[in-house]
Protein backbone atom coordinates (compact mmCIF):
# COMPACT_ATOMS: atom_id res chain seq x y z
CA MET A 1 67.44 -54.65 -7.27
CA ALA A 2 65.88 -51.39 -7.18
CA ARG A 3 66.82 -48.93 -10.16
CA ALA A 4 70.03 -46.99 -8.99
CA ALA A 5 71.10 -43.61 -10.15
CA LYS A 6 74.88 -42.56 -9.86
CA ILE A 7 75.67 -39.13 -8.37
CA ALA A 8 78.96 -37.47 -7.47
CA VAL A 9 79.43 -35.73 -4.43
CA SER A 10 82.19 -33.92 -2.67
CA LEU A 11 82.75 -34.51 1.07
CA GLU A 12 85.18 -32.76 3.55
CA THR A 13 88.54 -34.66 4.18
CA GLU A 14 87.71 -35.30 7.64
CA LEU A 15 84.21 -36.56 6.90
CA LEU A 16 85.35 -38.68 4.46
CA ARG A 17 87.87 -40.25 6.63
CA ARG A 18 85.20 -41.00 9.24
CA VAL A 19 82.89 -42.53 6.75
CA GLU A 20 85.78 -44.67 5.46
CA ARG A 21 86.53 -45.91 9.04
CA VAL A 22 82.81 -46.58 9.80
CA ARG A 23 82.50 -48.44 6.55
CA GLY A 24 85.34 -50.54 7.37
CA GLN A 25 83.97 -51.73 10.60
CA THR A 26 80.72 -52.40 8.46
CA GLY A 27 81.99 -53.89 5.44
CA GLU A 28 79.57 -51.67 3.41
CA SER A 29 80.33 -50.37 0.07
CA ARG A 30 80.24 -46.54 -0.10
CA SER A 31 77.10 -46.65 -2.26
CA ALA A 32 75.53 -48.82 0.61
CA PHE A 33 76.66 -46.78 3.27
CA VAL A 34 75.47 -43.37 1.78
CA SER A 35 72.13 -44.89 0.91
CA ARG A 36 71.77 -46.11 4.32
CA ALA A 37 72.66 -42.82 5.82
CA LEU A 38 70.24 -41.05 3.46
CA ARG A 39 67.58 -43.63 4.13
CA ARG A 40 67.98 -42.85 8.01
CA LEU A 41 67.98 -39.00 7.40
CA THR A 42 64.86 -38.89 5.17
CA ARG A 43 63.13 -41.25 7.59
CA GLU A 44 63.85 -38.66 10.33
CA ASP A 45 62.74 -35.71 8.30
CA GLU A 46 59.32 -37.40 7.61
CA HIS A 47 58.90 -38.23 11.08
CA ALA A 48 59.76 -34.49 12.20
CA GLN A 49 57.29 -33.42 9.50
CA ARG A 50 54.51 -35.78 10.85
CA VAL A 51 55.18 -34.28 14.37
CA LEU A 52 54.63 -30.72 13.21
CA GLU A 53 51.27 -31.83 11.33
CA TYR A 54 50.16 -33.75 14.59
CA VAL A 55 51.17 -30.48 16.68
CA GLN A 56 49.35 -28.10 13.97
CA ALA A 57 46.26 -30.55 14.21
CA TYR A 58 45.93 -30.08 17.76
CA ARG A 59 46.30 -26.60 17.66
CA ASP A 60 43.57 -26.32 15.12
CA LYS A 61 41.31 -28.42 17.18
CA PRO A 62 42.14 -29.11 20.72
CA GLU A 63 40.45 -31.45 22.95
CA THR A 64 37.49 -30.22 24.95
CA ALA A 65 36.94 -30.15 28.49
CA ALA A 66 34.55 -32.84 28.30
CA GLU A 67 37.18 -35.05 26.48
CA VAL A 68 39.77 -34.27 28.93
CA THR A 69 37.42 -35.39 31.82
CA ALA A 70 36.34 -38.47 29.96
CA ALA A 71 40.19 -39.34 29.43
CA ARG A 72 41.02 -38.86 32.97
CA ALA A 73 37.80 -41.16 33.96
CA ALA A 74 39.28 -43.83 31.40
CA ALA A 75 42.75 -43.59 32.74
CA LYS A 76 41.79 -44.18 36.32
CA ARG A 77 39.62 -47.12 35.65
CA ALA A 78 42.55 -48.73 33.60
CA LEU A 79 44.95 -48.25 36.40
CA ALA A 80 42.50 -49.35 38.89
CA ALA A 81 42.33 -52.66 37.16
CA LEU A 82 46.12 -53.20 37.24
CA PRO A 83 47.73 -55.40 39.85
CA TRP A 84 49.99 -53.02 41.97
CA GLU A 85 52.76 -54.51 43.95
CA GLU A 86 54.34 -52.98 46.90
CA GLU A 87 58.15 -53.15 46.87
């Protein structure tokens, strides 16, 4: 098992009630529930940071007109190769 550190947190009564309800449905311990929630939250934050970095990189070096033209041509070729069915 990975090393674990104990922490103390204070929760609003209503939030704790909701946590206990969900925890009862999943059968998780409080520690497992909080760990899962924190993993999800930090994963979402990391994803949001990567998106911001992507947008900034695009702003720093947007595609050229020639790259846009090449991408459109490649898309047309790819779409033309697909078997289209009429409905």
